[in-house]
Amino acid sequence: MFTGIVEELGEVVAVADLPDAARVTIAGPLVTSDAKHGDSIAVNGVCLTVVDVEGGAFTADVMRETLTRSSLAKVAEGDKVNLERAAAVGQRLGGHIVQGHVDGTGTVLAREKAEHWEVVHIGLPPKLARYVVEKGSITVDGVSLTVVSVDEGSFTVSLIPTTLELTTLGRRTPGDHVNLEVDVLAKYVERLALPHLRPDSEEAR
């Protein structure tokens, strides 16, 4: 479990292709300071399991399902990535509940600079649109953000200087793909309510 508050901007130092998978090594002195085999670290919002830790870097395996659903399929040596360790019980929940289970990818459509912040427009896959609401929470590349506005095909978020400086979102340009995780509570509510919304179901009678 994560909070969507990025702790460190890491760097991919190696990518090895495996059958139906990939093994990535990422430098991150802060997140590896107390990391050990089996720990979870979110990389651009994707929960990965630490396989090895050495010299301020960790190695993790990325399965085909993750490569299919996320932008990690295109990650390359030298890329910057957002890193966050799993939340510890009892700490403050600064963002929102983030599982690190990416639902899909969106595309940066446009950026609008203001004096003290920047508005980013992101294309939204149709299958995820119903879970995104104005002033609701969404995770973009592992960053917990508040939705400013939303329509059928896109949504906007406002980024403060700290987010622009300390995460990959300050470097994304139109056309770039970003990982999206919608609010898990919305998915559970839909799942529980759906039988009651079907006119032919016993629950609806």
N, C-alpha and C. Protein backbone atom coordinates (compact mmCIF):
# COMPACT_ATOMS: atom_id res chain seq x y z
N MET A 1 0.83 -1.19 0.00
CA MET A 1 0.00 0.00 0.00
C MET A 1 0.87 1.24 0.00
N PHE A 2 0.47 2.26 -0.78
CA PHE A 2 1.24 3.49 -0.89
C PHE A 2 0.32 4.69 -0.69
N THR A 3 0.92 5.88 -0.69
CA THR A 3 0.12 7.09 -0.49
C THR A 3 0.15 8.03 -1.69
N GLY A 4 1.03 7.75 -2.66
CA GLY A 4 1.13 8.63 -3.82
C GLY A 4 1.98 9.86 -3.57
N ILE A 5 2.74 9.85 -2.47
CA ILE A 5 3.66 10.94 -2.20
C ILE A 5 5.07 10.46 -2.57
N VAL A 6 5.58 10.93 -3.69
CA VAL A 6 6.86 10.45 -4.21
C VAL A 6 7.99 10.85 -3.26
N GLU A 7 8.84 9.90 -2.94
CA GLU A 7 9.95 10.15 -2.02
C GLU A 7 11.23 10.54 -2.73
N GLU A 8 11.39 10.05 -3.94
CA GLU A 8 12.69 10.23 -4.60
C GLU A 8 12.53 10.07 -6.12
N LEU A 9 13.33 10.84 -6.85
CA LEU A 9 13.40 10.69 -8.29
C LEU A 9 14.60 9.81 -8.59
N GLY A 10 14.32 8.56 -8.96
CA GLY A 10 15.38 7.61 -9.21
C GLY A 10 15.77 7.57 -10.67
N GLU A 11 16.74 6.71 -10.99
CA GLU A 11 17.21 6.58 -12.38
C GLU A 11 17.38 5.11 -12.73
N VAL A 12 16.86 4.73 -13.88
CA VAL A 12 17.03 3.36 -14.37
C VAL A 12 18.47 3.18 -14.81
N VAL A 13 19.15 2.20 -14.25
CA VAL A 13 20.56 1.97 -14.60
C VAL A 13 20.75 0.74 -15.46
N ALA A 14 19.73 -0.13 -15.53
CA ALA A 14 19.84 -1.32 -16.38
C ALA A 14 18.46 -1.90 -16.64
N VAL A 15 18.28 -2.43 -17.84
CA VAL A 15 17.05 -3.14 -18.21
C VAL A 15 17.44 -4.40 -18.95
N ALA A 16 17.00 -5.55 -18.45
CA ALA A 16 17.31 -6.83 -19.09
C ALA A 16 16.01 -7.49 -19.54
N ASP A 17 15.93 -7.81 -20.82
CA ASP A 17 14.75 -8.49 -21.34
C ASP A 17 14.80 -9.97 -20.98
N LEU A 18 13.65 -10.47 -20.48
CA LEU A 18 13.51 -11.88 -20.13
C LEU A 18 12.32 -12.44 -20.90
N PRO A 19 12.19 -13.75 -20.99
CA PRO A 19 10.99 -14.32 -21.63
C PRO A 19 9.72 -13.86 -20.91
N ASP A 20 8.89 -13.11 -21.61
CA ASP A 20 7.62 -12.61 -21.07
C ASP A 20 7.80 -11.72 -19.85
N ALA A 21 8.95 -11.10 -19.70
CA ALA A 21 9.20 -10.27 -18.52
C ALA A 21 10.42 -9.38 -18.78
N ALA A 22 10.74 -8.57 -17.78
CA ALA A 22 11.94 -7.74 -17.82
C ALA A 22 12.47 -7.61 -16.40
N ARG A 23 13.77 -7.41 -16.29
CA ARG A 23 14.37 -7.16 -14.99
C ARG A 23 15.01 -5.77 -15.03
N VAL A 24 14.60 -4.92 -14.10
CA VAL A 24 15.09 -3.54 -14.09
C VAL A 24 15.91 -3.29 -12.83
N THR A 25 16.94 -2.48 -12.98
CA THR A 25 17.74 -2.04 -11.84
C THR A 25 17.65 -0.52 -11.78
N ILE A 26 17.29 -0.03 -10.60
CA ILE A 26 17.01 1.39 -10.45
C ILE A 26 17.81 1.96 -9.28
N ALA A 27 18.50 3.05 -9.52
CA ALA A 27 19.25 3.72 -8.48
C ALA A 27 18.32 4.64 -7.69
N GLY A 28 18.35 4.48 -6.36
CA GLY A 28 17.55 5.31 -5.48
C GLY A 28 18.08 5.21 -4.07
N PRO A 29 19.07 6.02 -3.72
CA PRO A 29 19.71 5.91 -2.41
C PRO A 29 18.75 6.01 -1.23
N LEU A 30 17.73 6.85 -1.35
CA LEU A 30 16.80 7.01 -0.23
C LEU A 30 15.94 5.76 -0.04
N VAL A 31 15.28 5.31 -1.10
CA VAL A 31 14.34 4.18 -0.95
C VAL A 31 15.07 2.87 -0.68
N THR A 32 16.36 2.81 -1.02
CA THR A 32 17.11 1.57 -0.75
C THR A 32 17.85 1.60 0.60
N SER A 33 17.75 2.73 1.31
CA SER A 33 18.48 2.87 2.56
C SER A 33 18.06 1.83 3.60
N ASP A 34 16.81 1.39 3.53
CA ASP A 34 16.33 0.35 4.46
C ASP A 34 15.64 -0.79 3.72
N ALA A 35 15.85 -0.87 2.41
CA ALA A 35 15.17 -1.90 1.61
C ALA A 35 15.87 -3.24 1.72
N LYS A 36 15.07 -4.29 1.60
CA LYS A 36 15.61 -5.65 1.62
C LYS A 36 14.80 -6.51 0.66
N HIS A 37 15.31 -7.69 0.40
CA HIS A 37 14.64 -8.63 -0.51
C HIS A 37 13.18 -8.85 -0.08
N GLY A 38 12.27 -8.71 -1.04
CA GLY A 38 10.86 -8.93 -0.77
C GLY A 38 10.07 -7.68 -0.47
N ASP A 39 10.75 -6.54 -0.25
CA ASP A 39 10.04 -5.29 0.02
C ASP A 39 9.35 -4.79 -1.25
N SER A 40 8.38 -3.91 -1.05
CA SER A 40 7.67 -3.31 -2.18
C SER A 40 8.10 -1.87 -2.37
N ILE A 41 8.37 -1.49 -3.62
CA ILE A 41 8.68 -0.12 -3.98
C ILE A 41 7.87 0.22 -5.22
N ALA A 42 7.20 1.36 -5.19
CA ALA A 42 6.42 1.80 -6.35
C ALA A 42 7.33 2.55 -7.30
N VAL A 43 7.31 2.14 -8.57
CA VAL A 43 8.11 2.77 -9.62
C VAL A 43 7.14 3.36 -10.64
N ASN A 44 7.07 4.68 -10.70
CA ASN A 44 6.08 5.35 -11.55
C ASN A 44 4.68 4.81 -11.29
N GLY A 45 4.42 4.52 -10.01
CA GLY A 45 3.10 4.07 -9.62
C GLY A 45 2.87 2.58 -9.71
N VAL A 46 3.88 1.82 -10.14
CA VAL A 46 3.75 0.37 -10.27
C VAL A 46 4.44 -0.29 -9.08
N CYS A 47 3.69 -1.09 -8.34
CA CYS A 47 4.26 -1.80 -7.19
C CYS A 47 5.15 -2.93 -7.67
N LEU A 48 6.45 -2.85 -7.35
CA LEU A 48 7.40 -3.89 -7.71
C LEU A 48 8.02 -4.49 -6.46
N THR A 49 8.40 -5.75 -6.55
CA THR A 49 9.02 -6.45 -5.43
C THR A 49 10.54 -6.45 -5.59
N VAL A 50 11.22 -6.03 -4.54
CA VAL A 50 12.68 -5.96 -4.56
C VAL A 50 13.27 -7.37 -4.59
N VAL A 51 14.11 -7.63 -5.58
CA VAL A 51 14.80 -8.90 -5.71
C VAL A 51 16.19 -8.82 -5.09
N ASP A 52 16.84 -7.65 -5.31
CA ASP A 52 18.20 -7.49 -4.81
C ASP A 52 18.46 -6.01 -4.54
N VAL A 53 19.33 -5.73 -3.59
CA VAL A 53 19.73 -4.37 -3.26
C VAL A 53 21.25 -4.32 -3.18
N GLU A 54 21.83 -3.37 -3.90
CA GLU A 54 23.29 -3.25 -3.88
C GLU A 54 23.71 -1.86 -4.33
N GLY A 55 24.56 -1.22 -3.53
CA GLY A 55 25.15 0.06 -3.91
C GLY A 55 24.15 1.16 -4.18
N GLY A 56 23.10 1.25 -3.37
CA GLY A 56 22.12 2.32 -3.55
C GLY A 56 21.17 2.10 -4.70
N ALA A 57 21.11 0.87 -5.21
CA ALA A 57 20.19 0.53 -6.30
C ALA A 57 19.47 -0.77 -5.95
N PHE A 58 18.29 -0.96 -6.53
CA PHE A 58 17.55 -2.20 -6.32
C PHE A 58 17.15 -2.78 -7.67
N THR A 59 16.95 -4.08 -7.66
CA THR A 59 16.55 -4.80 -8.86
C THR A 59 15.18 -5.42 -8.64
N ALA A 60 14.33 -5.40 -9.67
CA ALA A 60 12.99 -5.97 -9.57
C ALA A 60 12.61 -6.59 -10.91
N ASP A 61 11.78 -7.62 -10.85
CA ASP A 61 11.26 -8.26 -12.05
C ASP A 61 9.90 -7.65 -12.40
N VAL A 62 9.69 -7.43 -13.70
CA VAL A 62 8.43 -6.86 -14.20
C VAL A 62 7.77 -7.90 -15.10
N MET A 63 6.63 -8.42 -14.67
CA MET A 63 5.94 -9.48 -15.42
C MET A 63 5.22 -8.93 -16.66
N ARG A 64 4.82 -9.83 -17.55
CA ARG A 64 4.18 -9.41 -18.80
C ARG A 64 2.90 -8.61 -18.55
N GLU A 65 2.11 -9.01 -17.55
CA GLU A 65 0.88 -8.29 -17.24
C GLU A 65 1.18 -6.83 -16.93
N THR A 66 2.24 -6.59 -16.18
CA THR A 66 2.63 -5.23 -15.84
C THR A 66 3.14 -4.49 -17.06
N LEU A 67 3.92 -5.16 -17.88
CA LEU A 67 4.43 -4.54 -19.10
C LEU A 67 3.30 -4.18 -20.05
N THR A 68 2.25 -5.00 -20.07
CA THR A 68 1.10 -4.74 -20.95
C THR A 68 0.28 -3.56 -20.48
N ARG A 69 0.12 -3.42 -19.17
CA ARG A 69 -0.77 -2.40 -18.62
C ARG A 69 -0.11 -1.06 -18.33
N SER A 70 1.21 -1.03 -18.26
CA SER A 70 1.88 0.18 -17.80
C SER A 70 2.94 0.66 -18.78
N SER A 71 3.46 1.85 -18.50
CA SER A 71 4.49 2.43 -19.35
C SER A 71 5.87 1.85 -19.07
N LEU A 72 5.99 0.94 -18.10
CA LEU A 72 7.29 0.33 -17.82
C LEU A 72 7.78 -0.50 -19.00
N ALA A 73 6.92 -0.85 -19.92
CA ALA A 73 7.33 -1.60 -21.10
C ALA A 73 8.31 -0.79 -21.95
N LYS A 74 8.28 0.54 -21.82
CA LYS A 74 9.14 1.39 -22.64
C LYS A 74 10.26 2.04 -21.84
N VAL A 75 10.42 1.64 -20.58
CA VAL A 75 11.45 2.26 -19.76
C VAL A 75 12.83 1.84 -20.27
N ALA A 76 13.77 2.79 -20.21
CA ALA A 76 15.11 2.53 -20.74
C ALA A 76 16.18 3.07 -19.80
N GLU A 77 17.38 2.59 -19.98
CA GLU A 77 18.50 3.04 -19.15
C GLU A 77 18.63 4.56 -19.24
N GLY A 78 18.77 5.19 -18.09
CA GLY A 78 18.89 6.64 -18.03
C GLY A 78 17.60 7.37 -17.74
N ASP A 79 16.46 6.67 -17.86
CA ASP A 79 15.17 7.30 -17.58
C ASP A 79 15.03 7.62 -16.10
N LYS A 80 14.39 8.75 -15.81
CA LYS A 80 14.06 9.10 -14.44
C LYS A 80 12.71 8.49 -14.09
N VAL A 81 12.57 8.00 -12.86
CA VAL A 81 11.33 7.37 -12.42
C VAL A 81 10.98 7.82 -11.00
N ASN A 82 9.69 7.90 -10.72
CA ASN A 82 9.22 8.26 -9.38
C ASN A 82 9.28 7.04 -8.48
N LEU A 83 9.81 7.21 -7.27
CA LEU A 83 9.96 6.11 -6.34
C LEU A 83 9.28 6.41 -5.01
N GLU A 84 8.61 5.39 -4.47
CA GLU A 84 7.99 5.50 -3.15
C GLU A 84 8.01 4.14 -2.47
N ARG A 85 8.48 4.12 -1.21
CA ARG A 85 8.43 2.89 -0.43
C ARG A 85 7.01 2.65 0.06
N ALA A 86 6.69 1.41 0.39
CA ALA A 86 5.37 1.08 0.93
C ALA A 86 5.13 1.86 2.21
N ALA A 87 3.88 2.23 2.45
CA ALA A 87 3.52 3.00 3.64
C ALA A 87 3.70 2.15 4.89
N ALA A 88 4.19 2.78 5.95
CA ALA A 88 4.34 2.10 7.23
C ALA A 88 3.09 2.32 8.07
N VAL A 89 2.67 1.31 8.82
CA VAL A 89 1.50 1.43 9.68
C VAL A 89 1.74 2.53 10.71
N GLY A 90 0.78 3.44 10.83
CA GLY A 90 0.87 4.50 11.83
C GLY A 90 1.38 5.82 11.29
N GLN A 91 1.87 5.85 10.04
CA GLN A 91 2.35 7.11 9.50
C GLN A 91 1.19 7.92 8.93
N ARG A 92 1.42 9.21 8.69
CA ARG A 92 0.40 10.08 8.10
C ARG A 92 0.14 9.68 6.65
N LEU A 93 -1.13 9.69 6.26
CA LEU A 93 -1.51 9.37 4.89
C LEU A 93 -1.61 10.69 4.13
N GLY A 94 -0.49 11.11 3.55
CA GLY A 94 -0.44 12.43 2.92
C GLY A 94 -1.20 12.54 1.62
N GLY A 95 -1.32 11.44 0.88
CA GLY A 95 -2.03 11.49 -0.39
C GLY A 95 -3.38 10.81 -0.29
N HIS A 96 -3.53 9.66 -0.94
CA HIS A 96 -4.73 8.84 -0.79
C HIS A 96 -4.30 7.37 -0.88
N ILE A 97 -5.23 6.46 -0.71
CA ILE A 97 -4.90 5.04 -0.74
C ILE A 97 -4.52 4.62 -2.16
N VAL A 98 -3.27 4.22 -2.33
CA VAL A 98 -2.75 3.82 -3.63
C VAL A 98 -2.24 2.38 -3.53
N GLN A 99 -2.68 1.52 -4.42
CA GLN A 99 -2.28 0.11 -4.38
C GLN A 99 -1.02 -0.18 -5.16
N GLY A 100 -0.71 0.67 -6.12
CA GLY A 100 0.41 0.37 -7.00
C GLY A 100 0.02 -0.61 -8.10
N HIS A 101 -1.29 -0.76 -8.30
CA HIS A 101 -1.82 -1.64 -9.34
C HIS A 101 -2.36 -0.77 -10.46
N VAL A 102 -1.55 -0.53 -11.46
CA VAL A 102 -1.90 0.39 -12.54
C VAL A 102 -3.09 -0.14 -13.34
N ASP A 103 -4.07 0.74 -13.58
CA ASP A 103 -5.27 0.35 -14.33
C ASP A 103 -5.10 0.51 -15.83
N GLY A 104 -4.16 1.35 -16.23
CA GLY A 104 -3.93 1.60 -17.65
C GLY A 104 -3.05 2.82 -17.82
N THR A 105 -2.86 3.22 -19.06
CA THR A 105 -2.04 4.40 -19.33
C THR A 105 -2.86 5.49 -19.99
N GLY A 106 -2.46 6.72 -19.73
CA GLY A 106 -3.05 7.87 -20.39
C GLY A 106 -1.96 8.57 -21.20
N THR A 107 -2.36 9.59 -21.95
CA THR A 107 -1.42 10.34 -22.78
C THR A 107 -1.48 11.81 -22.43
N VAL A 108 -0.32 12.41 -22.21
CA VAL A 108 -0.28 13.85 -21.96
C VAL A 108 -0.70 14.57 -23.24
N LEU A 109 -1.74 15.39 -23.15
CA LEU A 109 -2.28 16.09 -24.32
C LEU A 109 -1.76 17.51 -24.44
N ALA A 110 -1.65 18.21 -23.31
CA ALA A 110 -1.22 19.60 -23.36
C ALA A 110 -0.80 20.05 -21.96
N ARG A 111 -0.03 21.12 -21.91
CA ARG A 111 0.39 21.73 -20.65
C ARG A 111 0.12 23.23 -20.74
N GLU A 112 -0.39 23.79 -19.65
CA GLU A 112 -0.67 25.23 -19.59
C GLU A 112 0.06 25.80 -18.38
N LYS A 113 1.04 26.65 -18.64
CA LYS A 113 1.84 27.22 -17.56
C LYS A 113 1.19 28.47 -16.99
N ALA A 114 1.18 28.55 -15.68
CA ALA A 114 0.74 29.75 -14.97
C ALA A 114 1.93 30.25 -14.16
N GLU A 115 1.72 31.30 -13.38
CA GLU A 115 2.83 31.88 -12.64
C GLU A 115 3.35 30.96 -11.55
N HIS A 116 2.44 30.28 -10.85
CA HIS A 116 2.86 29.48 -9.70
C HIS A 116 2.50 28.00 -9.82
N TRP A 117 1.89 27.60 -10.91
CA TRP A 117 1.53 26.19 -11.08
C TRP A 117 1.40 25.89 -12.57
N GLU A 118 1.10 24.64 -12.89
CA GLU A 118 0.93 24.25 -14.28
C GLU A 118 -0.22 23.28 -14.39
N VAL A 119 -1.10 23.49 -15.36
CA VAL A 119 -2.23 22.61 -15.60
C VAL A 119 -1.84 21.63 -16.71
N VAL A 120 -2.04 20.34 -16.43
CA VAL A 120 -1.70 19.31 -17.40
C VAL A 120 -2.97 18.58 -17.82
N HIS A 121 -3.17 18.47 -19.13
CA HIS A 121 -4.32 17.75 -19.70
C HIS A 121 -3.86 16.35 -20.07
N ILE A 122 -4.59 15.36 -19.62
CA ILE A 122 -4.22 13.96 -19.85
C ILE A 122 -5.37 13.20 -20.47
N GLY A 123 -5.09 12.51 -21.56
CA GLY A 123 -6.10 11.68 -22.22
C GLY A 123 -6.47 10.50 -21.35
N LEU A 124 -7.76 10.19 -21.30
CA LEU A 124 -8.28 9.18 -20.40
C LEU A 124 -8.89 8.02 -21.18
N PRO A 125 -8.41 6.79 -20.96
CA PRO A 125 -9.01 5.63 -21.64
C PRO A 125 -10.50 5.52 -21.29
N PRO A 126 -11.36 5.21 -22.26
CA PRO A 126 -12.80 5.14 -22.02
C PRO A 126 -13.19 4.22 -20.85
N LYS A 127 -12.49 3.10 -20.70
CA LYS A 127 -12.86 2.15 -19.65
C LYS A 127 -12.59 2.68 -18.24
N LEU A 128 -11.78 3.74 -18.13
CA LEU A 128 -11.48 4.31 -16.82
C LEU A 128 -12.24 5.60 -16.53
N ALA A 129 -12.87 6.16 -17.55
CA ALA A 129 -13.49 7.47 -17.41
C ALA A 129 -14.54 7.52 -16.30
N ARG A 130 -15.29 6.43 -16.12
CA ARG A 130 -16.38 6.45 -15.15
C ARG A 130 -15.89 6.52 -13.71
N TYR A 131 -14.62 6.23 -13.49
CA TYR A 131 -14.08 6.26 -12.13
C TYR A 131 -13.45 7.60 -11.76
N VAL A 132 -13.38 8.51 -12.71
CA VAL A 132 -12.70 9.79 -12.48
C VAL A 132 -13.74 10.90 -12.33
N VAL A 133 -13.69 11.62 -11.21
CA VAL A 133 -14.66 12.67 -10.95
C VAL A 133 -13.94 13.95 -10.55
N GLU A 134 -14.57 15.07 -10.81
CA GLU A 134 -14.00 16.35 -10.44
C GLU A 134 -13.75 16.42 -8.93
N LYS A 135 -12.57 16.86 -8.57
CA LYS A 135 -12.10 16.97 -7.18
C LYS A 135 -11.88 15.60 -6.52
N GLY A 136 -11.92 14.53 -7.32
CA GLY A 136 -11.59 13.21 -6.80
C GLY A 136 -10.09 12.97 -6.88
N SER A 137 -9.66 11.81 -6.43
CA SER A 137 -8.24 11.47 -6.43
C SER A 137 -7.89 10.55 -7.61
N ILE A 138 -6.70 10.75 -8.14
CA ILE A 138 -6.17 9.87 -9.18
C ILE A 138 -4.65 9.82 -9.02
N THR A 139 -4.06 8.70 -9.39
CA THR A 139 -2.61 8.56 -9.33
C THR A 139 -2.05 8.59 -10.74
N VAL A 140 -1.13 9.51 -10.99
CA VAL A 140 -0.50 9.65 -12.30
C VAL A 140 1.01 9.41 -12.13
N ASP A 141 1.52 8.36 -12.74
CA ASP A 141 2.93 7.98 -12.57
C ASP A 141 3.31 7.88 -11.10
N GLY A 142 2.36 7.40 -10.29
CA GLY A 142 2.64 7.20 -8.87
C GLY A 142 2.45 8.43 -8.01
N VAL A 143 2.00 9.54 -8.58
CA VAL A 143 1.81 10.78 -7.83
C VAL A 143 0.32 10.95 -7.52
N SER A 144 -0.01 11.10 -6.25
CA SER A 144 -1.39 11.34 -5.84
C SER A 144 -1.79 12.76 -6.21
N LEU A 145 -2.84 12.89 -7.03
CA LEU A 145 -3.27 14.20 -7.50
C LEU A 145 -4.78 14.35 -7.38
N THR A 146 -5.22 15.61 -7.33
CA THR A 146 -6.65 15.92 -7.32
C THR A 146 -7.09 16.31 -8.72
N VAL A 147 -8.17 15.70 -9.19
CA VAL A 147 -8.70 16.01 -10.52
C VAL A 147 -9.33 17.41 -10.49
N VAL A 148 -8.90 18.26 -11.41
CA VAL A 148 -9.46 19.62 -11.50
C VAL A 148 -10.73 19.61 -12.33
N SER A 149 -10.67 18.98 -13.49
CA SER A 149 -11.84 18.87 -14.36
C SER A 149 -11.77 17.57 -15.13
N VAL A 150 -12.90 17.12 -15.64
CA VAL A 150 -12.94 15.86 -16.37
C VAL A 150 -14.03 15.90 -17.42
N ASP A 151 -13.78 15.29 -18.59
CA ASP A 151 -14.82 15.09 -19.59
C ASP A 151 -14.72 13.65 -20.06
N GLU A 152 -15.40 13.32 -21.15
CA GLU A 152 -15.44 11.92 -21.57
C GLU A 152 -14.08 11.37 -21.97
N GLY A 153 -13.20 12.24 -22.48
CA GLY A 153 -11.95 11.73 -23.00
C GLY A 153 -10.68 12.20 -22.32
N SER A 154 -10.81 13.06 -21.32
CA SER A 154 -9.60 13.57 -20.68
C SER A 154 -9.91 14.17 -19.32
N PHE A 155 -8.85 14.48 -18.58
CA PHE A 155 -8.99 15.18 -17.31
C PHE A 155 -7.80 16.11 -17.14
N THR A 156 -7.90 17.03 -16.20
CA THR A 156 -6.80 17.95 -15.94
C THR A 156 -6.41 17.87 -14.47
N VAL A 157 -5.14 18.15 -14.23
CA VAL A 157 -4.60 18.25 -12.87
C VAL A 157 -3.73 19.49 -12.81
N SER A 158 -3.63 20.09 -11.63
CA SER A 158 -2.75 21.24 -11.41
C SER A 158 -1.53 20.78 -10.63
N LEU A 159 -0.36 21.13 -11.10
CA LEU A 159 0.88 20.71 -10.47
C LEU A 159 1.58 21.91 -9.83
N ILE A 160 1.90 21.77 -8.55
CA ILE A 160 2.61 22.81 -7.83
C ILE A 160 4.10 22.71 -8.14
N PRO A 161 4.88 23.75 -7.84
CA PRO A 161 6.31 23.72 -8.15
C PRO A 161 7.05 22.52 -7.59
N THR A 162 6.70 22.08 -6.37
CA THR A 162 7.38 20.93 -5.77
C THR A 162 7.18 19.68 -6.62
N THR A 163 5.95 19.44 -7.08
CA THR A 163 5.66 18.28 -7.92
C THR A 163 6.39 18.38 -9.25
N LEU A 164 6.44 19.57 -9.82
CA LEU A 164 7.13 19.77 -11.10
C LEU A 164 8.62 19.51 -10.97
N GLU A 165 9.20 19.87 -9.84
CA GLU A 165 10.64 19.75 -9.64
C GLU A 165 11.07 18.35 -9.23
N LEU A 166 10.27 17.70 -8.38
CA LEU A 166 10.72 16.47 -7.73
C LEU A 166 10.15 15.19 -8.32
N THR A 167 9.30 15.28 -9.35
CA THR A 167 8.75 14.07 -9.97
C THR A 167 8.90 14.13 -11.49
N THR A 168 8.62 13.01 -12.13
CA THR A 168 8.72 12.95 -13.59
C THR A 168 7.67 13.80 -14.28
N LEU A 169 6.62 14.20 -13.56
CA LEU A 169 5.56 14.97 -14.20
C LEU A 169 6.03 16.34 -14.66
N GLY A 170 7.12 16.83 -14.09
CA GLY A 170 7.68 18.09 -14.56
C GLY A 170 8.39 17.96 -15.89
N ARG A 171 8.65 16.72 -16.30
CA ARG A 171 9.40 16.46 -17.54
C ARG A 171 8.53 15.88 -18.65
N ARG A 172 7.30 15.51 -18.34
CA ARG A 172 6.44 14.91 -19.36
C ARG A 172 6.02 15.95 -20.39
N THR A 173 6.02 15.55 -21.66
CA THR A 173 5.62 16.43 -22.75
C THR A 173 4.44 15.82 -23.50
N PRO A 174 3.69 16.62 -24.26
CA PRO A 174 2.56 16.08 -25.02
C PRO A 174 2.98 14.87 -25.86
N GLY A 175 2.20 13.82 -25.75
CA GLY A 175 2.49 12.56 -26.44
C GLY A 175 3.07 11.51 -25.53
N ASP A 176 3.60 11.92 -24.38
CA ASP A 176 4.16 10.94 -23.43
C ASP A 176 3.05 10.12 -22.77
N HIS A 177 3.35 8.86 -22.49
CA HIS A 177 2.40 7.99 -21.79
C HIS A 177 2.68 8.04 -20.29
N VAL A 178 1.61 8.04 -19.51
CA VAL A 178 1.73 8.05 -18.05
C VAL A 178 0.86 6.94 -17.47
N ASN A 179 1.30 6.38 -16.35
CA ASN A 179 0.53 5.33 -15.69
C ASN A 179 -0.61 5.94 -14.88
N LEU A 180 -1.77 5.31 -14.95
CA LEU A 180 -2.95 5.79 -14.22
C LEU A 180 -3.47 4.71 -13.28
N GLU A 181 -3.76 5.10 -12.06
CA GLU A 181 -4.47 4.24 -11.12
C GLU A 181 -5.63 5.04 -10.56
N VAL A 182 -6.85 4.59 -10.82
CA VAL A 182 -8.03 5.30 -10.32
C VAL A 182 -8.26 4.94 -8.86
N ASP A 183 -9.13 5.67 -8.22
CA ASP A 183 -9.43 5.44 -6.80
C ASP A 183 -10.06 4.06 -6.64
N VAL A 184 -9.42 3.20 -5.87
CA VAL A 184 -9.90 1.83 -5.70
C VAL A 184 -11.28 1.80 -5.05
N LEU A 185 -11.61 2.78 -4.23
CA LEU A 185 -12.92 2.81 -3.59
C LEU A 185 -14.04 2.91 -4.62
N ALA A 186 -13.79 3.67 -5.71
CA ALA A 186 -14.79 3.80 -6.76
C ALA A 186 -15.07 2.46 -7.43
N LYS A 187 -14.03 1.66 -7.62
CA LYS A 187 -14.20 0.36 -8.26
C LYS A 187 -14.98 -0.60 -7.38
N TYR A 188 -14.72 -0.57 -6.08
CA TYR A 188 -15.45 -1.45 -5.17
C TYR A 188 -16.92 -1.04 -5.06
N VAL A 189 -17.18 0.27 -5.02
CA VAL A 189 -18.56 0.75 -4.95
C VAL A 189 -19.32 0.30 -6.18
N GLU A 190 -18.71 0.42 -7.36
CA GLU A 190 -19.36 -0.02 -8.59
C GLU A 190 -19.66 -1.52 -8.54
N ARG A 191 -18.71 -2.30 -8.09
CA ARG A 191 -18.85 -3.75 -8.04
C ARG A 191 -20.00 -4.16 -7.12
N LEU A 192 -20.11 -3.49 -5.97
CA LEU A 192 -21.14 -3.82 -5.00
C LEU A 192 -22.52 -3.33 -5.45
N ALA A 193 -22.54 -2.19 -6.16
CA ALA A 193 -23.83 -1.61 -6.55
C ALA A 193 -24.39 -2.20 -7.83
N LEU A 194 -23.52 -2.74 -8.68
CA LEU A 194 -23.96 -3.19 -10.00
C LEU A 194 -25.12 -4.17 -9.98
N PRO A 195 -25.12 -5.20 -9.13
CA PRO A 195 -26.26 -6.14 -9.13
C PRO A 195 -27.59 -5.46 -8.83
N HIS A 196 -27.57 -4.42 -8.03
CA HIS A 196 -28.79 -3.72 -7.64
C HIS A 196 -29.28 -2.77 -8.73
N LEU A 197 -28.43 -2.50 -9.72
CA LEU A 197 -28.79 -1.59 -10.80
C LEU A 197 -29.31 -2.32 -12.03
N ARG A 198 -29.19 -3.66 -12.02
CA ARG A 198 -29.67 -4.45 -13.15
C ARG A 198 -31.14 -4.79 -12.94
N PRO A 199 -32.02 -4.38 -13.85
CA PRO A 199 -33.46 -4.60 -13.67
C PRO A 199 -33.86 -6.07 -13.61
N ASP A 200 -33.04 -6.98 -14.18
CA ASP A 200 -33.40 -8.38 -14.21
C ASP A 200 -32.77 -9.17 -13.07
N SER A 201 -32.09 -8.49 -12.14
CA SER A 201 -31.45 -9.20 -11.04
C SER A 201 -32.42 -9.39 -9.88
N GLU A 202 -32.17 -10.44 -9.10
CA GLU A 202 -33.02 -10.70 -7.94
C GLU A 202 -32.91 -9.58 -6.92
N GLU A 203 -31.70 -9.01 -6.79
CA GLU A 203 -31.51 -7.94 -5.82
C GLU A 203 -32.33 -6.71 -6.16
N ALA A 204 -32.60 -6.52 -7.46
CA ALA A 204 -33.32 -5.32 -7.88
C ALA A 204 -34.83 -5.47 -7.75
N ARG A 205 -35.30 -6.72 -7.49
CA ARG A 205 -36.74 -6.96 -7.40
C ARG A 205 -37.28 -6.61 -6.02
